[in-house]
Amino acid sequence: MATSTLIRIDVWSDYVCPFCYLELPALQRLQQAFGSQVKVIWRAFELRPDPKPTLDPDGDYLHTTWNRSVYPMAAQRGMTLKLPPVQPRSRLALESAAFAGSHGRFTAMHEALFTAFFEHGRDIGDIGVLCAIAREAGVDAGALKQALHDGRHTAEVLDDQRLARELGVTGVPIILLRPLDAPWEQALPLRGAVPYDTLHTAVRQLLGQLP
């Protein structure tokens, strides 16, 4: 297998989006299948930034969406998700992931945030909770707390949001696949929590392994 990266995969997601979490194992499996031939870059997309209202955790919309779509998909993919009892804003969680990434711990924090919210119902909009999750993920909680207070990674999150708007992204997850040095205009978009086979086929097509 080639050792150089050939395909770049940019993924916009939010930690309060269950479909983003549902897509995580498929992307992990893709990385295992293609190794260094693919590079997955997760990008921030805050679905409900202030002052946009957050969703009612006890409202009909969430219960209907989970019963019709989230729970069946989770069962199909062998994952255990629970409708969280809170619906926090996700900006600080996104900034926490960026902080962890700057210290080489993005993957651990990324997975821990999804698990904390969708499996344990923890309030990932609370700095104290985020610091606890950081400790569990091997991230310096004290340094994270200071970084969040200072807004050290706010611009990074907003830059991802700005790029998403420029590319016409309005919802997540969305996956844009393209050859490493190709412009955005040549990217292949995959929207929603697509099955692993769809991802695998798309990468093979870009690698020229399929007609």
N, C-alpha and C. Protein backbone atom coordinates (compact mmCIF):
# COMPACT_ATOMS: atom_id res chain seq x y z
N MET A 1 0.85 -1.20 0.00
CA MET A 1 0.00 0.00 0.00
C MET A 1 0.88 1.25 0.00
N ALA A 2 0.47 2.27 -0.73
CA ALA A 2 1.25 3.49 -0.80
C ALA A 2 1.36 4.13 0.57
N THR A 3 2.47 4.84 0.80
CA THR A 3 2.70 5.45 2.10
C THR A 3 2.42 6.94 2.08
N SER A 4 2.12 7.50 0.91
CA SER A 4 1.85 8.93 0.84
C SER A 4 0.35 9.18 0.73
N THR A 5 -0.08 10.32 1.28
CA THR A 5 -1.49 10.65 1.26
C THR A 5 -1.91 11.04 -0.15
N LEU A 6 -3.00 10.44 -0.62
CA LEU A 6 -3.51 10.71 -1.96
C LEU A 6 -4.88 11.37 -1.94
N ILE A 7 -5.68 11.08 -0.89
CA ILE A 7 -7.04 11.58 -0.81
C ILE A 7 -7.22 12.37 0.50
N ARG A 8 -7.80 13.55 0.37
CA ARG A 8 -8.09 14.38 1.53
C ARG A 8 -9.61 14.32 1.79
N ILE A 9 -9.98 14.09 3.02
CA ILE A 9 -11.39 13.98 3.40
C ILE A 9 -11.69 14.98 4.50
N ASP A 10 -12.44 16.02 4.15
CA ASP A 10 -12.82 17.04 5.13
C ASP A 10 -14.23 16.75 5.62
N VAL A 11 -14.40 16.70 6.93
CA VAL A 11 -15.69 16.35 7.53
C VAL A 11 -16.14 17.48 8.45
N TRP A 12 -17.25 18.11 8.13
CA TRP A 12 -17.83 19.11 9.04
C TRP A 12 -18.81 18.41 9.96
N SER A 13 -18.68 18.67 11.26
CA SER A 13 -19.55 18.00 12.22
C SER A 13 -19.75 18.86 13.46
N ASP A 14 -20.71 18.43 14.29
CA ASP A 14 -20.99 19.10 15.55
C ASP A 14 -21.19 18.04 16.62
N TYR A 15 -20.75 18.33 17.83
CA TYR A 15 -20.83 17.33 18.90
C TYR A 15 -22.24 17.13 19.45
N VAL A 16 -23.21 17.95 19.02
CA VAL A 16 -24.59 17.73 19.43
C VAL A 16 -25.42 17.12 18.29
N CYS A 17 -24.74 16.67 17.25
CA CYS A 17 -25.40 16.04 16.11
C CYS A 17 -25.22 14.52 16.19
N PRO A 18 -26.29 13.77 16.44
CA PRO A 18 -26.14 12.32 16.57
C PRO A 18 -25.67 11.65 15.29
N PHE A 19 -26.02 12.20 14.14
CA PHE A 19 -25.62 11.59 12.89
C PHE A 19 -24.11 11.75 12.65
N CYS A 20 -23.52 12.80 13.22
CA CYS A 20 -22.07 12.97 13.15
C CYS A 20 -21.38 11.86 13.94
N TYR A 21 -21.93 11.55 15.12
CA TYR A 21 -21.36 10.46 15.91
C TYR A 21 -21.56 9.12 15.21
N LEU A 22 -22.72 8.95 14.61
CA LEU A 22 -23.01 7.70 13.91
C LEU A 22 -22.07 7.47 12.72
N GLU A 23 -21.53 8.55 12.17
CA GLU A 23 -20.61 8.43 11.03
C GLU A 23 -19.18 8.15 11.46
N LEU A 24 -18.87 8.39 12.73
CA LEU A 24 -17.49 8.24 13.21
C LEU A 24 -16.90 6.85 12.95
N PRO A 25 -17.59 5.76 13.31
CA PRO A 25 -16.99 4.43 13.06
C PRO A 25 -16.72 4.15 11.60
N ALA A 26 -17.58 4.63 10.71
CA ALA A 26 -17.37 4.40 9.28
C ALA A 26 -16.08 5.08 8.80
N LEU A 27 -15.85 6.28 9.30
CA LEU A 27 -14.62 6.99 8.91
C LEU A 27 -13.39 6.35 9.54
N GLN A 28 -13.53 5.85 10.76
CA GLN A 28 -12.41 5.15 11.39
C GLN A 28 -12.07 3.88 10.60
N ARG A 29 -13.09 3.18 10.19
CA ARG A 29 -12.88 1.96 9.40
C ARG A 29 -12.24 2.29 8.06
N LEU A 30 -12.64 3.41 7.47
CA LEU A 30 -12.06 3.84 6.20
C LEU A 30 -10.56 4.11 6.36
N GLN A 31 -10.20 4.77 7.45
CA GLN A 31 -8.78 5.04 7.69
C GLN A 31 -7.99 3.75 7.87
N GLN A 32 -8.60 2.78 8.53
CA GLN A 32 -7.92 1.50 8.71
C GLN A 32 -7.74 0.79 7.37
N ALA A 33 -8.74 0.91 6.50
CA ALA A 33 -8.69 0.22 5.21
C ALA A 33 -7.65 0.82 4.26
N PHE A 34 -7.53 2.14 4.26
CA PHE A 34 -6.65 2.80 3.28
C PHE A 34 -5.37 3.37 3.90
N GLY A 35 -5.28 3.34 5.21
CA GLY A 35 -4.05 3.79 5.85
C GLY A 35 -3.69 5.22 5.50
N SER A 36 -2.41 5.43 5.21
CA SER A 36 -1.92 6.78 4.95
C SER A 36 -2.35 7.32 3.59
N GLN A 37 -3.04 6.51 2.79
CA GLN A 37 -3.52 7.01 1.50
C GLN A 37 -4.61 8.07 1.68
N VAL A 38 -5.30 8.03 2.81
CA VAL A 38 -6.34 9.03 3.07
C VAL A 38 -5.99 9.84 4.32
N LYS A 39 -6.39 11.09 4.29
CA LYS A 39 -6.21 11.97 5.45
C LYS A 39 -7.57 12.57 5.79
N VAL A 40 -8.07 12.28 6.99
CA VAL A 40 -9.36 12.77 7.43
C VAL A 40 -9.16 14.00 8.32
N ILE A 41 -9.82 15.08 7.95
CA ILE A 41 -9.73 16.33 8.71
C ILE A 41 -11.13 16.70 9.19
N TRP A 42 -11.31 16.70 10.51
CA TRP A 42 -12.60 17.07 11.08
C TRP A 42 -12.66 18.58 11.26
N ARG A 43 -13.77 19.16 10.85
CA ARG A 43 -13.95 20.61 10.95
C ARG A 43 -15.19 20.95 11.77
N ALA A 44 -15.17 22.12 12.38
CA ALA A 44 -16.23 22.54 13.28
C ALA A 44 -17.41 23.14 12.53
N PHE A 45 -18.60 22.78 12.99
CA PHE A 45 -19.82 23.38 12.46
C PHE A 45 -20.83 23.45 13.60
N GLU A 46 -20.98 24.63 14.19
CA GLU A 46 -21.91 24.81 15.30
C GLU A 46 -23.33 24.97 14.74
N LEU A 47 -24.16 23.99 15.01
CA LEU A 47 -25.51 23.98 14.44
C LEU A 47 -26.39 25.10 14.99
N ARG A 48 -26.25 25.38 16.27
CA ARG A 48 -27.13 26.37 16.89
C ARG A 48 -26.32 27.37 17.71
N PRO A 49 -25.58 28.24 17.01
CA PRO A 49 -24.80 29.27 17.72
C PRO A 49 -25.71 30.30 18.37
N ASP A 50 -25.24 30.89 19.43
CA ASP A 50 -25.96 31.98 20.10
C ASP A 50 -26.18 33.12 19.10
N PRO A 51 -27.36 33.71 18.97
CA PRO A 51 -28.55 33.57 19.84
C PRO A 51 -29.60 32.57 19.32
N LYS A 52 -29.25 31.76 18.35
CA LYS A 52 -30.21 30.78 17.84
C LYS A 52 -30.61 29.85 18.98
N PRO A 53 -31.90 29.63 19.19
CA PRO A 53 -32.32 28.80 20.32
C PRO A 53 -31.89 27.34 20.17
N THR A 54 -31.56 26.73 21.30
CA THR A 54 -31.23 25.31 21.29
C THR A 54 -32.53 24.50 21.28
N LEU A 55 -32.41 23.23 21.02
CA LEU A 55 -33.59 22.37 20.95
C LEU A 55 -34.07 21.98 22.35
N ASP A 56 -35.35 21.75 22.47
CA ASP A 56 -35.95 21.30 23.72
C ASP A 56 -35.68 19.80 23.86
N PRO A 57 -34.90 19.38 24.89
CA PRO A 57 -34.59 17.95 25.02
C PRO A 57 -35.82 17.07 25.24
N ASP A 58 -36.92 17.67 25.67
CA ASP A 58 -38.15 16.91 25.89
C ASP A 58 -39.19 17.17 24.81
N GLY A 59 -38.79 17.91 23.77
CA GLY A 59 -39.74 18.28 22.72
C GLY A 59 -40.04 17.15 21.75
N ASP A 60 -41.14 17.31 21.04
CA ASP A 60 -41.56 16.28 20.09
C ASP A 60 -40.56 16.09 18.95
N TYR A 61 -39.93 17.20 18.52
CA TYR A 61 -39.01 17.11 17.37
C TYR A 61 -37.88 16.12 17.64
N LEU A 62 -37.22 16.26 18.78
CA LEU A 62 -36.10 15.37 19.08
C LEU A 62 -36.56 13.93 19.28
N HIS A 63 -37.64 13.75 20.01
CA HIS A 63 -38.12 12.38 20.25
C HIS A 63 -38.53 11.71 18.95
N THR A 64 -39.17 12.45 18.06
CA THR A 64 -39.58 11.89 16.77
C THR A 64 -38.36 11.54 15.93
N THR A 65 -37.38 12.46 15.87
CA THR A 65 -36.17 12.22 15.07
C THR A 65 -35.40 11.02 15.59
N TRP A 66 -35.26 10.93 16.88
CA TRP A 66 -34.53 9.80 17.45
C TRP A 66 -35.25 8.48 17.22
N ASN A 67 -36.55 8.46 17.43
CA ASN A 67 -37.30 7.22 17.26
C ASN A 67 -37.34 6.76 15.81
N ARG A 68 -37.45 7.71 14.90
CA ARG A 68 -37.56 7.36 13.48
C ARG A 68 -36.22 7.09 12.81
N SER A 69 -35.19 7.81 13.24
CA SER A 69 -33.92 7.76 12.51
C SER A 69 -32.71 7.36 13.35
N VAL A 70 -32.52 8.03 14.48
CA VAL A 70 -31.28 7.82 15.24
C VAL A 70 -31.20 6.42 15.84
N TYR A 71 -32.23 6.02 16.58
CA TYR A 71 -32.18 4.70 17.21
C TYR A 71 -32.08 3.56 16.20
N PRO A 72 -32.87 3.58 15.10
CA PRO A 72 -32.72 2.51 14.10
C PRO A 72 -31.33 2.47 13.48
N MET A 73 -30.76 3.63 13.16
CA MET A 73 -29.43 3.66 12.56
C MET A 73 -28.38 3.19 13.55
N ALA A 74 -28.52 3.59 14.81
CA ALA A 74 -27.57 3.16 15.84
C ALA A 74 -27.60 1.64 15.99
N ALA A 75 -28.81 1.07 15.99
CA ALA A 75 -28.92 -0.39 16.10
C ALA A 75 -28.29 -1.08 14.91
N GLN A 76 -28.50 -0.51 13.73
CA GLN A 76 -27.95 -1.08 12.50
C GLN A 76 -26.42 -1.05 12.53
N ARG A 77 -25.85 -0.03 13.14
CA ARG A 77 -24.40 0.13 13.16
C ARG A 77 -23.76 -0.41 14.44
N GLY A 78 -24.57 -1.03 15.30
CA GLY A 78 -24.03 -1.62 16.51
C GLY A 78 -23.56 -0.61 17.54
N MET A 79 -24.20 0.55 17.58
CA MET A 79 -23.81 1.61 18.51
C MET A 79 -24.93 1.84 19.53
N THR A 80 -24.54 2.32 20.70
CA THR A 80 -25.50 2.60 21.76
C THR A 80 -25.56 4.10 22.00
N LEU A 81 -26.64 4.73 21.57
CA LEU A 81 -26.85 6.16 21.79
C LEU A 81 -28.12 6.34 22.61
N LYS A 82 -28.12 7.38 23.43
CA LYS A 82 -29.30 7.72 24.21
C LYS A 82 -29.60 9.20 24.00
N LEU A 83 -30.86 9.54 23.86
CA LEU A 83 -31.24 10.94 23.72
C LEU A 83 -30.78 11.69 24.96
N PRO A 84 -29.86 12.66 24.83
CA PRO A 84 -29.33 13.36 26.00
C PRO A 84 -30.41 14.17 26.72
N PRO A 85 -30.30 14.30 28.04
CA PRO A 85 -31.28 15.06 28.80
C PRO A 85 -31.07 16.56 28.70
N VAL A 86 -29.98 16.98 28.06
CA VAL A 86 -29.67 18.40 27.87
C VAL A 86 -29.34 18.65 26.41
N GLN A 87 -29.53 19.89 25.97
CA GLN A 87 -29.17 20.28 24.61
C GLN A 87 -28.35 21.57 24.68
N PRO A 88 -27.08 21.46 25.01
CA PRO A 88 -26.23 22.64 25.21
C PRO A 88 -25.75 23.24 23.89
N ARG A 89 -25.22 24.43 23.98
CA ARG A 89 -24.50 24.99 22.84
C ARG A 89 -23.16 24.26 22.74
N SER A 90 -22.65 24.15 21.54
CA SER A 90 -21.48 23.30 21.34
C SER A 90 -20.18 24.07 21.07
N ARG A 91 -20.24 25.40 21.09
CA ARG A 91 -19.03 26.16 20.75
C ARG A 91 -17.84 25.77 21.61
N LEU A 92 -18.04 25.67 22.92
CA LEU A 92 -16.91 25.36 23.81
C LEU A 92 -16.40 23.94 23.58
N ALA A 93 -17.29 23.02 23.24
CA ALA A 93 -16.85 21.66 22.94
C ALA A 93 -15.98 21.65 21.68
N LEU A 94 -16.40 22.40 20.67
CA LEU A 94 -15.63 22.50 19.44
C LEU A 94 -14.27 23.14 19.69
N GLU A 95 -14.25 24.18 20.55
CA GLU A 95 -12.97 24.81 20.90
C GLU A 95 -12.10 23.85 21.71
N SER A 96 -12.72 23.03 22.54
CA SER A 96 -11.96 22.05 23.33
C SER A 96 -11.27 21.04 22.43
N ALA A 97 -11.97 20.60 21.39
CA ALA A 97 -11.37 19.66 20.45
C ALA A 97 -10.20 20.31 19.72
N ALA A 98 -10.37 21.58 19.36
CA ALA A 98 -9.28 22.30 18.68
C ALA A 98 -8.07 22.43 19.61
N PHE A 99 -8.33 22.71 20.89
CA PHE A 99 -7.24 22.79 21.86
C PHE A 99 -6.52 21.45 21.96
N ALA A 100 -7.29 20.37 22.08
CA ALA A 100 -6.68 19.04 22.16
C ALA A 100 -5.85 18.75 20.91
N GLY A 101 -6.36 19.17 19.76
CA GLY A 101 -5.63 18.97 18.52
C GLY A 101 -4.29 19.68 18.50
N SER A 102 -4.26 20.86 19.11
CA SER A 102 -2.99 21.62 19.15
C SER A 102 -1.97 20.95 20.05
N HIS A 103 -2.41 19.97 20.84
CA HIS A 103 -1.51 19.24 21.73
C HIS A 103 -1.44 17.76 21.37
N GLY A 104 -1.82 17.44 20.12
CA GLY A 104 -1.70 16.08 19.63
C GLY A 104 -2.68 15.09 20.22
N ARG A 105 -3.81 15.59 20.76
CA ARG A 105 -4.78 14.70 21.40
C ARG A 105 -6.18 14.86 20.80
N PHE A 106 -6.26 15.28 19.54
CA PHE A 106 -7.57 15.53 18.95
C PHE A 106 -8.44 14.28 18.94
N THR A 107 -7.92 13.18 18.44
CA THR A 107 -8.72 11.98 18.28
C THR A 107 -9.32 11.52 19.61
N ALA A 108 -8.52 11.52 20.65
CA ALA A 108 -9.00 11.09 21.97
C ALA A 108 -10.10 12.01 22.48
N MET A 109 -9.91 13.31 22.34
CA MET A 109 -10.90 14.27 22.82
C MET A 109 -12.16 14.23 21.96
N HIS A 110 -11.97 14.11 20.67
CA HIS A 110 -13.07 14.04 19.71
C HIS A 110 -14.01 12.89 20.06
N GLU A 111 -13.45 11.72 20.24
CA GLU A 111 -14.25 10.55 20.57
C GLU A 111 -14.87 10.68 21.96
N ALA A 112 -14.12 11.24 22.89
CA ALA A 112 -14.61 11.37 24.26
C ALA A 112 -15.80 12.33 24.35
N LEU A 113 -15.77 13.39 23.57
CA LEU A 113 -16.88 14.34 23.57
C LEU A 113 -18.17 13.70 23.04
N PHE A 114 -18.06 12.98 21.94
CA PHE A 114 -19.23 12.30 21.40
C PHE A 114 -19.79 11.29 22.41
N THR A 115 -18.90 10.50 22.98
CA THR A 115 -19.33 9.47 23.94
C THR A 115 -19.97 10.10 25.17
N ALA A 116 -19.35 11.15 25.67
CA ALA A 116 -19.86 11.81 26.87
C ALA A 116 -21.29 12.31 26.67
N PHE A 117 -21.55 12.88 25.50
CA PHE A 117 -22.86 13.46 25.25
C PHE A 117 -23.90 12.41 24.86
N PHE A 118 -23.55 11.57 23.92
CA PHE A 118 -24.56 10.67 23.36
C PHE A 118 -24.68 9.31 24.07
N GLU A 119 -23.74 8.99 24.92
CA GLU A 119 -23.87 7.75 25.67
C GLU A 119 -24.11 7.99 27.16
N HIS A 120 -23.64 9.15 27.66
CA HIS A 120 -23.75 9.42 29.09
C HIS A 120 -24.54 10.69 29.42
N GLY A 121 -24.97 11.42 28.40
CA GLY A 121 -25.82 12.59 28.62
C GLY A 121 -25.17 13.72 29.39
N ARG A 122 -23.86 13.86 29.28
CA ARG A 122 -23.16 14.92 30.02
C ARG A 122 -23.30 16.26 29.29
N ASP A 123 -23.29 17.32 30.05
CA ASP A 123 -23.48 18.67 29.50
C ASP A 123 -22.17 19.20 28.94
N ILE A 124 -21.97 19.00 27.63
CA ILE A 124 -20.71 19.41 27.01
C ILE A 124 -20.66 20.91 26.70
N GLY A 125 -21.63 21.65 27.21
CA GLY A 125 -21.55 23.11 27.12
C GLY A 125 -20.99 23.72 28.39
N ASP A 126 -20.72 22.89 29.39
CA ASP A 126 -20.24 23.34 30.69
C ASP A 126 -18.72 23.17 30.77
N ILE A 127 -18.01 24.23 31.14
CA ILE A 127 -16.55 24.18 31.17
C ILE A 127 -16.04 23.13 32.15
N GLY A 128 -16.69 23.01 33.30
CA GLY A 128 -16.27 22.00 34.27
C GLY A 128 -16.38 20.59 33.71
N VAL A 129 -17.45 20.32 33.01
CA VAL A 129 -17.64 19.01 32.39
C VAL A 129 -16.60 18.80 31.29
N LEU A 130 -16.35 19.81 30.50
CA LEU A 130 -15.35 19.70 29.43
C LEU A 130 -13.97 19.42 30.01
N CYS A 131 -13.65 20.05 31.11
CA CYS A 131 -12.34 19.81 31.74
C CYS A 131 -12.25 18.38 32.27
N ALA A 132 -13.35 17.87 32.80
CA ALA A 132 -13.36 16.48 33.27
C ALA A 132 -13.18 15.51 32.11
N ILE A 133 -13.85 15.78 31.01
CA ILE A 133 -13.70 14.94 29.82
C ILE A 133 -12.27 15.01 29.31
N ALA A 134 -11.70 16.21 29.36
CA ALA A 134 -10.31 16.38 28.91
C ALA A 134 -9.35 15.52 29.72
N ARG A 135 -9.51 15.53 31.04
CA ARG A 135 -8.64 14.70 31.89
C ARG A 135 -8.76 13.24 31.51
N GLU A 136 -9.98 12.78 31.27
CA GLU A 136 -10.21 11.39 30.89
C GLU A 136 -9.58 11.06 29.54
N ALA A 137 -9.44 12.08 28.69
CA ALA A 137 -8.87 11.87 27.35
C ALA A 137 -7.37 12.15 27.30
N GLY A 138 -6.78 12.39 28.46
CA GLY A 138 -5.34 12.64 28.51
C GLY A 138 -4.94 14.03 28.08
N VAL A 139 -5.86 14.99 28.26
CA VAL A 139 -5.62 16.39 27.90
C VAL A 139 -5.48 17.20 29.19
N ASP A 140 -4.58 18.17 29.19
CA ASP A 140 -4.35 19.03 30.36
C ASP A 140 -5.60 19.88 30.63
N ALA A 141 -6.34 19.52 31.67
CA ALA A 141 -7.61 20.19 31.95
C ALA A 141 -7.41 21.64 32.37
N GLY A 142 -6.37 21.92 33.15
CA GLY A 142 -6.12 23.28 33.59
C GLY A 142 -5.79 24.19 32.41
N ALA A 143 -4.96 23.69 31.51
CA ALA A 143 -4.59 24.48 30.34
C ALA A 143 -5.81 24.67 29.43
N LEU A 144 -6.66 23.65 29.33
CA LEU A 144 -7.87 23.78 28.53
C LEU A 144 -8.79 24.85 29.10
N LYS A 145 -8.97 24.83 30.40
CA LYS A 145 -9.85 25.82 31.05
C LYS A 145 -9.38 27.23 30.75
N GLN A 146 -8.08 27.46 30.84
CA GLN A 146 -7.54 28.79 30.55
C GLN A 146 -7.73 29.15 29.09
N ALA A 147 -7.51 28.18 28.21
CA ALA A 147 -7.66 28.44 26.77
C ALA A 147 -9.10 28.79 26.43
N LEU A 148 -10.06 28.12 27.08
CA LEU A 148 -11.47 28.43 26.83
C LEU A 148 -11.83 29.81 27.35
N HIS A 149 -11.33 30.16 28.52
CA HIS A 149 -11.60 31.49 29.07
C HIS A 149 -10.99 32.58 28.18
N ASP A 150 -9.83 32.28 27.60
CA ASP A 150 -9.14 33.26 26.76
C ASP A 150 -9.68 33.29 25.32
N GLY A 151 -10.51 32.31 24.97
CA GLY A 151 -11.00 32.23 23.59
C GLY A 151 -9.91 31.94 22.59
N ARG A 152 -8.93 31.15 23.02
CA ARG A 152 -7.73 30.93 22.22
C ARG A 152 -8.03 30.22 20.89
N HIS A 153 -9.09 29.42 20.86
CA HIS A 153 -9.39 28.65 19.65
C HIS A 153 -10.71 29.05 19.00
N THR A 154 -11.26 30.17 19.45
CA THR A 154 -12.51 30.65 18.86
C THR A 154 -12.35 30.93 17.37
N ALA A 155 -11.28 31.61 17.01
CA ALA A 155 -11.07 31.98 15.60
C ALA A 155 -10.97 30.74 14.72
N GLU A 156 -10.34 29.69 15.23
CA GLU A 156 -10.20 28.45 14.46
C GLU A 156 -11.57 27.84 14.16
N VAL A 157 -12.43 27.83 15.16
CA VAL A 157 -13.78 27.30 14.98
C VAL A 157 -14.57 28.17 14.00
N LEU A 158 -14.46 29.47 14.16
CA LEU A 158 -15.19 30.38 13.27
C LEU A 158 -14.67 30.30 11.84
N ASP A 159 -13.38 30.04 11.66
CA ASP A 159 -12.83 29.88 10.32
C ASP A 159 -13.44 28.66 9.62
N ASP A 160 -13.61 27.58 10.37
CA ASP A 160 -14.25 26.40 9.80
C ASP A 160 -15.68 26.71 9.39
N GLN A 161 -16.38 27.47 10.25
CA GLN A 161 -17.75 27.85 9.94
C GLN A 161 -17.81 28.71 8.68
N ARG A 162 -16.87 29.65 8.58
CA ARG A 162 -16.84 30.56 7.44
C ARG A 162 -16.58 29.79 6.14
N LEU A 163 -15.65 28.86 6.18
CA LEU A 163 -15.36 28.05 5.00
C LEU A 163 -16.57 27.22 4.62
N ALA A 164 -17.26 26.69 5.61
CA ALA A 164 -18.47 25.92 5.32
C ALA A 164 -19.50 26.76 4.58
N ARG A 165 -19.70 27.98 5.04
CA ARG A 165 -20.67 28.87 4.38
C ARG A 165 -20.24 29.14 2.94
N GLU A 166 -18.95 29.38 2.73
CA GLU A 166 -18.45 29.66 1.39
C GLU A 166 -18.67 28.47 0.45
N LEU A 167 -18.64 27.26 1.01
CA LEU A 167 -18.82 26.05 0.21
C LEU A 167 -20.28 25.63 0.11
N GLY A 168 -21.15 26.40 0.75
CA GLY A 168 -22.57 26.09 0.67
C GLY A 168 -23.04 25.02 1.64
N VAL A 169 -22.25 24.75 2.67
CA VAL A 169 -22.62 23.75 3.67
C VAL A 169 -23.67 24.35 4.60
N THR A 170 -24.79 23.67 4.75
CA THR A 170 -25.87 24.17 5.62
C THR A 170 -26.23 23.18 6.73
N GLY A 171 -25.73 21.96 6.64
CA GLY A 171 -26.03 20.97 7.66
C GLY A 171 -24.91 19.96 7.77
N VAL A 172 -24.92 19.18 8.85
CA VAL A 172 -23.87 18.19 9.08
C VAL A 172 -24.49 16.85 9.48
N PRO A 173 -23.73 15.76 9.28
CA PRO A 173 -22.37 15.75 8.75
C PRO A 173 -22.35 15.90 7.23
N ILE A 174 -21.29 16.49 6.74
CA ILE A 174 -21.03 16.50 5.31
C ILE A 174 -19.56 16.16 5.12
N ILE A 175 -19.30 15.31 4.14
CA ILE A 175 -17.96 14.81 3.87
C ILE A 175 -17.58 15.22 2.47
N LEU A 176 -16.45 15.92 2.33
CA LEU A 176 -15.95 16.33 1.01
C LEU A 176 -14.65 15.59 0.73
N LEU A 177 -14.67 14.77 -0.30
CA LEU A 177 -13.51 13.98 -0.68
C LEU A 177 -12.90 14.54 -1.96
N ARG A 178 -11.58 14.61 -2.00
CA ARG A 178 -10.90 15.10 -3.20
C ARG A 178 -9.45 14.65 -3.20
N PRO A 179 -8.83 14.56 -4.38
CA PRO A 179 -7.40 14.31 -4.43
C PRO A 179 -6.67 15.39 -3.63
N LEU A 180 -5.55 15.04 -3.07
CA LEU A 180 -4.88 15.88 -2.08
C LEU A 180 -4.73 17.33 -2.50
N ASP A 181 -4.30 17.59 -3.72
CA ASP A 181 -4.03 18.96 -4.16
C ASP A 181 -5.13 19.54 -5.04
N ALA A 182 -6.26 18.88 -5.12
CA ALA A 182 -7.36 19.36 -5.97
C ALA A 182 -8.10 20.51 -5.30
N PRO A 183 -8.66 21.42 -6.08
CA PRO A 183 -9.45 22.52 -5.50
C PRO A 183 -10.77 22.01 -4.95
N TRP A 184 -11.39 22.84 -4.12
CA TRP A 184 -12.67 22.47 -3.51
C TRP A 184 -13.73 22.16 -4.57
N GLU A 185 -13.64 22.82 -5.71
CA GLU A 185 -14.64 22.63 -6.76
C GLU A 185 -14.68 21.18 -7.26
N GLN A 186 -13.59 20.46 -7.08
CA GLN A 186 -13.53 19.07 -7.55
C GLN A 186 -13.90 18.07 -6.47
N ALA A 187 -14.28 18.56 -5.29
CA ALA A 187 -14.59 17.65 -4.18
C ALA A 187 -15.89 16.90 -4.42
N LEU A 188 -15.92 15.65 -4.00
CA LEU A 188 -17.12 14.82 -4.06
C LEU A 188 -17.84 14.94 -2.71
N PRO A 189 -19.07 15.48 -2.69
CA PRO A 189 -19.77 15.63 -1.41
C PRO A 189 -20.61 14.41 -1.06
N LEU A 190 -20.53 14.01 0.18
CA LEU A 190 -21.40 12.96 0.72
C LEU A 190 -22.10 13.55 1.93
N ARG A 191 -23.41 13.58 1.90
CA ARG A 191 -24.18 14.24 2.96
C ARG A 191 -24.87 13.23 3.87
N GLY A 192 -24.84 13.51 5.16
CA GLY A 192 -25.48 12.64 6.12
C GLY A 192 -24.58 11.51 6.58
N ALA A 193 -25.13 10.66 7.44
CA ALA A 193 -24.37 9.52 7.97
C ALA A 193 -24.40 8.39 6.94
N VAL A 194 -23.55 8.48 5.94
CA VAL A 194 -23.56 7.52 4.84
C VAL A 194 -22.95 6.19 5.29
N PRO A 195 -23.36 5.08 4.70
CA PRO A 195 -22.79 3.78 5.05
C PRO A 195 -21.31 3.68 4.68
N TYR A 196 -20.62 2.79 5.35
CA TYR A 196 -19.19 2.59 5.08
C TYR A 196 -18.95 2.24 3.62
N ASP A 197 -19.78 1.39 3.05
CA ASP A 197 -19.57 0.96 1.66
C ASP A 197 -19.59 2.16 0.71
N THR A 198 -20.41 3.16 1.00
CA THR A 198 -20.47 4.36 0.16
C THR A 198 -19.15 5.11 0.23
N LEU A 199 -18.61 5.24 1.43
CA LEU A 199 -17.31 5.90 1.60
C LEU A 199 -16.21 5.12 0.89
N HIS A 200 -16.21 3.82 1.07
CA HIS A 200 -15.17 2.98 0.49
C HIS A 200 -15.18 3.07 -1.04
N THR A 201 -16.38 3.02 -1.61
CA THR A 201 -16.50 3.12 -3.07
C THR A 201 -16.02 4.48 -3.57
N ALA A 202 -16.37 5.55 -2.85
CA ALA A 202 -15.96 6.89 -3.26
C ALA A 202 -14.45 7.03 -3.26
N VAL A 203 -13.79 6.51 -2.25
CA VAL A 203 -12.33 6.59 -2.19
C VAL A 203 -11.70 5.78 -3.31
N ARG A 204 -12.22 4.60 -3.56
CA ARG A 204 -11.67 3.77 -4.64
C ARG A 204 -11.84 4.45 -6.00
N GLN A 205 -12.96 5.12 -6.19
CA GLN A 205 -13.17 5.85 -7.44
C GLN A 205 -12.13 6.97 -7.59
N LEU A 206 -11.89 7.69 -6.51
CA LEU A 206 -10.91 8.78 -6.57
C LEU A 206 -9.49 8.27 -6.76
N LEU A 207 -9.24 7.07 -6.27
CA LEU A 207 -7.91 6.47 -6.44
C LEU A 207 -7.75 5.81 -7.81
N GLY A 208 -8.85 5.80 -8.60
CA GLY A 208 -8.79 5.20 -9.92
C GLY A 208 -8.87 3.70 -9.90
N GLN A 209 -9.37 3.12 -8.80
CA GLN A 209 -9.47 1.68 -8.67
C GLN A 209 -10.79 1.14 -9.22
N LEU A 210 -11.71 2.07 -9.54
CA LEU A 210 -12.99 1.66 -10.11
C LEU A 210 -13.23 2.47 -11.39
N PRO A 211 -13.97 1.91 -12.35
CA PRO A 211 -14.26 2.65 -13.59
C PRO A 211 -15.17 3.83 -13.33
